[in-house]
Amino acid sequence: MDKYIFDESNGLWYERCGDYYLPCLSLPERKPVGIWGQRYLRFLKEHRSTTYTAMLLNGTLDDHVAEIDRQAEEMLDRLTKQMAQHEGVTEALKARNTEIALRPRSCHAHFFRVPVFSEPRISS
């Protein structure tokens, strides 16, 4: 008996394991995602399990999570630039203070996890 056979009715290859033929199936390669995609994936698993399962079964989960991660990274870049502009961080300041220039981008992420409270308005 052959080790591998091809079934033309469904287009699958089968491998003989003992007395049985099992389909040769493989999962598609997963796309690497950053911290924001991993957090979103965890949110889906914990709080939107139906959506997570549906997207996993129809094969759209990885693309969706990768897109969310890309959008979050773009937003972080945009917010970091806006914060630097608001705080007056310039190239000359970075040249004088290398600690600012060499700080990894992920160090700025804590700014976005801390609630920001505005100054109380005092009416006169």
C-alpha atoms as a PDB file:
ATOM      1  CA  MET A   1       0.000   0.000   0.000  1.00  0.00           C
ATOM      2  CA  ASP A   2       1.129   3.524  -0.751  1.00  0.00           C
ATOM      3  CA  LYS A   3       2.321   5.835   2.029  1.00  0.00           C
ATOM      4  CA  TYR A   4       0.545   8.823   0.414  1.00  0.00           C
ATOM      5  CA  ILE A   5      -2.590   8.935  -1.702  1.00  0.00           C
ATOM      6  CA  PHE A   6      -4.427  11.801  -3.375  1.00  0.00           C
ATOM      7  CA  ASP A   7      -8.237  12.022  -3.261  1.00  0.00           C
ATOM      8  CA  GLU A   8      -9.482  13.792  -6.387  1.00  0.00           C
ATOM      9  CA  SER A   9     -12.989  14.286  -4.949  1.00  0.00           C
ATOM     10  CA  ASN A  10     -11.783  16.733  -2.283  1.00  0.00           C
ATOM     11  CA  GLY A  11      -8.262  17.599  -3.484  1.00  0.00           C
ATOM     12  CA  LEU A  12      -6.489  16.417  -0.314  1.00  0.00           C
ATOM     13  CA  TRP A  13      -3.436  14.268   0.199  1.00  0.00           C
ATOM     14  CA  TYR A  14      -3.614  11.488   2.792  1.00  0.00           C
ATOM     15  CA  GLU A  15      -0.774   9.821   4.685  1.00  0.00           C
ATOM     16  CA  ARG A  16      -0.977   6.233   5.854  1.00  0.00           C
ATOM     17  CA  CYS A  17      -0.533   5.869   9.612  1.00  0.00           C
ATOM     18  CA  GLY A  18      -0.867   2.236  10.597  1.00  0.00           C
ATOM     19  CA  ASP A  19      -4.152   0.959   9.155  1.00  0.00           C
ATOM     20  CA  TYR A  20      -5.615   4.443   8.568  1.00  0.00           C
ATOM     21  CA  TYR A  21      -5.131   7.249   6.088  1.00  0.00           C
ATOM     22  CA  LEU A  22      -5.084  10.670   7.737  1.00  0.00           C
ATOM     23  CA  PRO A  23      -5.368  13.947   5.796  1.00  0.00           C
ATOM     24  CA  CYS A  24      -2.159  15.952   5.401  1.00  0.00           C
ATOM     25  CA  LEU A  25      -3.310  19.274   6.834  1.00  0.00           C
ATOM     26  CA  SER A  26      -1.260  22.261   7.902  1.00  0.00           C
ATOM     27  CA  LEU A  27      -2.101  25.611   9.378  1.00  0.00           C
ATOM     28  CA  PRO A  28      -1.187  28.758   7.486  1.00  0.00           C
ATOM     29  CA  GLU A  29       1.882  30.589   8.743  1.00  0.00           C
ATOM     30  CA  ARG A  30       1.002  33.112  11.442  1.00  0.00           C
ATOM     31  CA  LYS A  31       1.936  36.739  10.968  1.00  0.00           C
ATOM     32  CA  PRO A  32       4.085  38.220  13.739  1.00  0.00           C
ATOM     33  CA  VAL A  33       2.334  40.948  15.702  1.00  0.00           C
ATOM     34  CA  GLY A  34       3.579  43.465  18.228  1.00  0.00           C
ATOM     35  CA  ILE A  35       2.443  44.235  21.735  1.00  0.00           C
ATOM     36  CA  TRP A  36      -0.751  46.011  20.654  1.00  0.00           C
ATOM     37  CA  GLY A  37      -1.859  43.108  18.482  1.00  0.00           C
ATOM     38  CA  GLN A  38      -1.143  40.655  21.301  1.00  0.00           C
ATOM     39  CA  ARG A  39      -3.206  42.719  23.714  1.00  0.00           C
ATOM     40  CA  TYR A  40      -6.067  42.965  21.237  1.00  0.00           C
ATOM     41  CA  LEU A  41      -5.923  39.203  20.679  1.00  0.00           C
ATOM     42  CA  ARG A  42      -6.105  38.630  24.436  1.00  0.00           C
ATOM     43  CA  PHE A  43      -9.071  41.040  24.638  1.00  0.00           C
ATOM     44  CA  LEU A  44     -10.889  39.112  21.909  1.00  0.00           C
ATOM     45  CA  LYS A  45     -10.244  35.775  23.637  1.00  0.00           C
ATOM     46  CA  GLU A  46     -11.387  37.012  27.045  1.00  0.00           C
ATOM     47  CA  HIS A  47     -14.248  39.357  26.190  1.00  0.00           C
ATOM     48  CA  ARG A  48     -15.388  38.591  22.624  1.00  0.00           C
ATOM     49  CA  SER A  49     -14.951  34.828  22.457  1.00  0.00           C
ATOM     50  CA  THR A  50     -17.650  34.384  19.799  1.00  0.00           C
ATOM     51  CA  THR A  51     -15.987  36.895  17.487  1.00  0.00           C
ATOM     52  CA  TYR A  52     -12.584  35.349  18.208  1.00  0.00           C
ATOM     53  CA  THR A  53     -13.810  31.834  17.405  1.00  0.00           C
ATOM     54  CA  ALA A  54     -15.642  32.915  14.238  1.00  0.00           C
ATOM     55  CA  MET A  55     -12.614  34.802  12.904  1.00  0.00           C
ATOM     56  CA  LEU A  56     -10.290  31.934  13.820  1.00  0.00           C
ATOM     57  CA  LEU A  57     -12.461  29.393  12.004  1.00  0.00           C
ATOM     58  CA  ASN A  58     -12.891  31.416   8.819  1.00  0.00           C
ATOM     59  CA  GLY A  59      -9.184  32.352   8.695  1.00  0.00           C
ATOM     60  CA  THR A  60      -9.453  36.129   9.086  1.00  0.00           C
ATOM     61  CA  LEU A  61      -8.153  36.450  12.656  1.00  0.00           C
ATOM     62  CA  ASP A  62      -4.431  36.835  11.881  1.00  0.00           C
ATOM     63  CA  ASP A  63      -4.963  39.475   9.191  1.00  0.00           C
ATOM     64  CA  HIS A  64      -7.360  41.415  11.423  1.00  0.00           C
ATOM     65  CA  VAL A  65      -5.029  41.365  14.445  1.00  0.00           C
ATOM     66  CA  ALA A  66      -2.048  42.361  12.265  1.00  0.00           C
ATOM     67  CA  GLU A  67      -4.050  45.319  10.904  1.00  0.00           C
ATOM     68  CA  ILE A  68      -5.051  46.429  14.424  1.00  0.00           C
ATOM     69  CA  ASP A  69      -1.400  46.200  15.494  1.00  0.00           C
ATOM     70  CA  ARG A  70      -0.285  48.281  12.487  1.00  0.00           C
ATOM     71  CA  GLN A  71      -2.910  50.947  13.216  1.00  0.00           C
ATOM     72  CA  ALA A  72      -1.939  51.063  16.900  1.00  0.00           C
ATOM     73  CA  GLU A  73       1.753  51.458  16.032  1.00  0.00           C
ATOM     74  CA  GLU A  74       0.918  54.321  13.664  1.00  0.00           C
ATOM     75  CA  MET A  75      -1.174  55.966  16.375  1.00  0.00           C
ATOM     76  CA  LEU A  76       1.648  55.580  18.910  1.00  0.00           C
ATOM     77  CA  ASP A  77       4.103  57.167  16.458  1.00  0.00           C
ATOM     78  CA  ARG A  78       1.725  60.044  15.786  1.00  0.00           C
ATOM     79  CA  LEU A  79       1.024  60.624  19.496  1.00  0.00           C
ATOM     80  CA  THR A  80       4.722  60.438  20.389  1.00  0.00           C
ATOM     81  CA  LYS A  81       5.521  63.081  17.766  1.00  0.00           C
ATOM     82  CA  GLN A  82       2.676  65.267  19.028  1.00  0.00           C
ATOM     83  CA  MET A  83       3.882  64.902  22.624  1.00  0.00           C
ATOM     84  CA  ALA A  84       7.449  65.787  21.619  1.00  0.00           C
ATOM     85  CA  GLN A  85       6.206  68.832  19.755  1.00  0.00           C
ATOM     86  CA  HIS A  86       3.993  69.875  22.676  1.00  0.00           C
ATOM     87  CA  GLU A  87       6.817  69.420  25.188  1.00  0.00           C
ATOM     88  CA  GLY A  88       9.299  71.261  22.978  1.00  0.00           C
ATOM     89  CA  VAL A  89      11.621  68.325  22.314  1.00  0.00           C
ATOM     90  CA  THR A  90      13.817  69.289  19.362  1.00  0.00           C
ATOM     91  CA  GLU A  91      16.739  67.675  17.560  1.00  0.00           C
ATOM     92  CA  ALA A  92      19.101  70.077  19.366  1.00  0.00           C
ATOM     93  CA  LEU A  93      17.710  68.965  22.743  1.00  0.00           C
ATOM     94  CA  LYS A  94      18.093  65.304  21.752  1.00  0.00           C
ATOM     95  CA  ALA A  95      21.710  65.982  20.747  1.00  0.00           C
ATOM     96  CA  ARG A  96      22.438  67.537  24.159  1.00  0.00           C
ATOM     97  CA  ASN A  97      20.490  64.955  26.161  1.00  0.00           C
ATOM     98  CA  THR A  98      21.195  61.525  24.670  1.00  0.00           C
ATOM     99  CA  GLU A  99      18.913  59.834  27.209  1.00  0.00           C
ATOM    100  CA  ILE A 100      15.894  61.233  25.330  1.00  0.00           C
ATOM    101  CA  ALA A 101      17.245  60.283  21.913  1.00  0.00           C
ATOM    102  CA  LEU A 102      18.240  56.734  22.862  1.00  0.00           C
ATOM    103  CA  ARG A 103      15.068  55.885  24.760  1.00  0.00           C
ATOM    104  CA  PRO A 104      13.197  53.114  22.942  1.00  0.00           C
ATOM    105  CA  ARG A 105       9.776  53.910  21.605  1.00  0.00           C
ATOM    106  CA  SER A 106       8.162  51.378  23.932  1.00  0.00           C
ATOM    107  CA  CYS A 107       9.219  53.510  26.918  1.00  0.00           C
ATOM    108  CA  HIS A 108       6.718  56.122  25.818  1.00  0.00           C
ATOM    109  CA  ALA A 109       3.876  53.620  25.914  1.00  0.00           C
ATOM    110  CA  HIS A 110       3.363  54.188  29.643  1.00  0.00           C
ATOM    111  CA  PHE A 111       2.115  57.692  28.842  1.00  0.00           C
ATOM    112  CA  PHE A 112      -0.900  56.154  27.154  1.00  0.00           C
ATOM    113  CA  ARG A 113      -1.821  53.833  30.015  1.00  0.00           C
ATOM    114  CA  VAL A 114      -1.920  56.489  32.701  1.00  0.00           C
ATOM    115  CA  PRO A 115      -5.169  58.437  32.949  1.00  0.00           C
ATOM    116  CA  VAL A 116      -4.685  62.111  32.220  1.00  0.00           C
ATOM    117  CA  PHE A 117      -6.668  64.557  34.269  1.00  0.00           C
ATOM    118  CA  SER A 118      -7.031  68.137  33.209  1.00  0.00           C
ATOM    119  CA  GLU A 119      -6.608  71.036  35.565  1.00  0.00           C
ATOM    120  CA  PRO A 120      -9.807  71.948  37.367  1.00  0.00           C
ATOM    121  CA  ARG A 121     -11.532  74.966  35.946  1.00  0.00           C
ATOM    122  CA  ILE A 122     -11.969  77.820  38.332  1.00  0.00           C
ATOM    123  CA  SER A 123     -14.796  80.101  37.429  1.00  0.00           C
ATOM    124  CA  SER A 124     -14.443  83.697  38.478  1.00  0.00           C
END
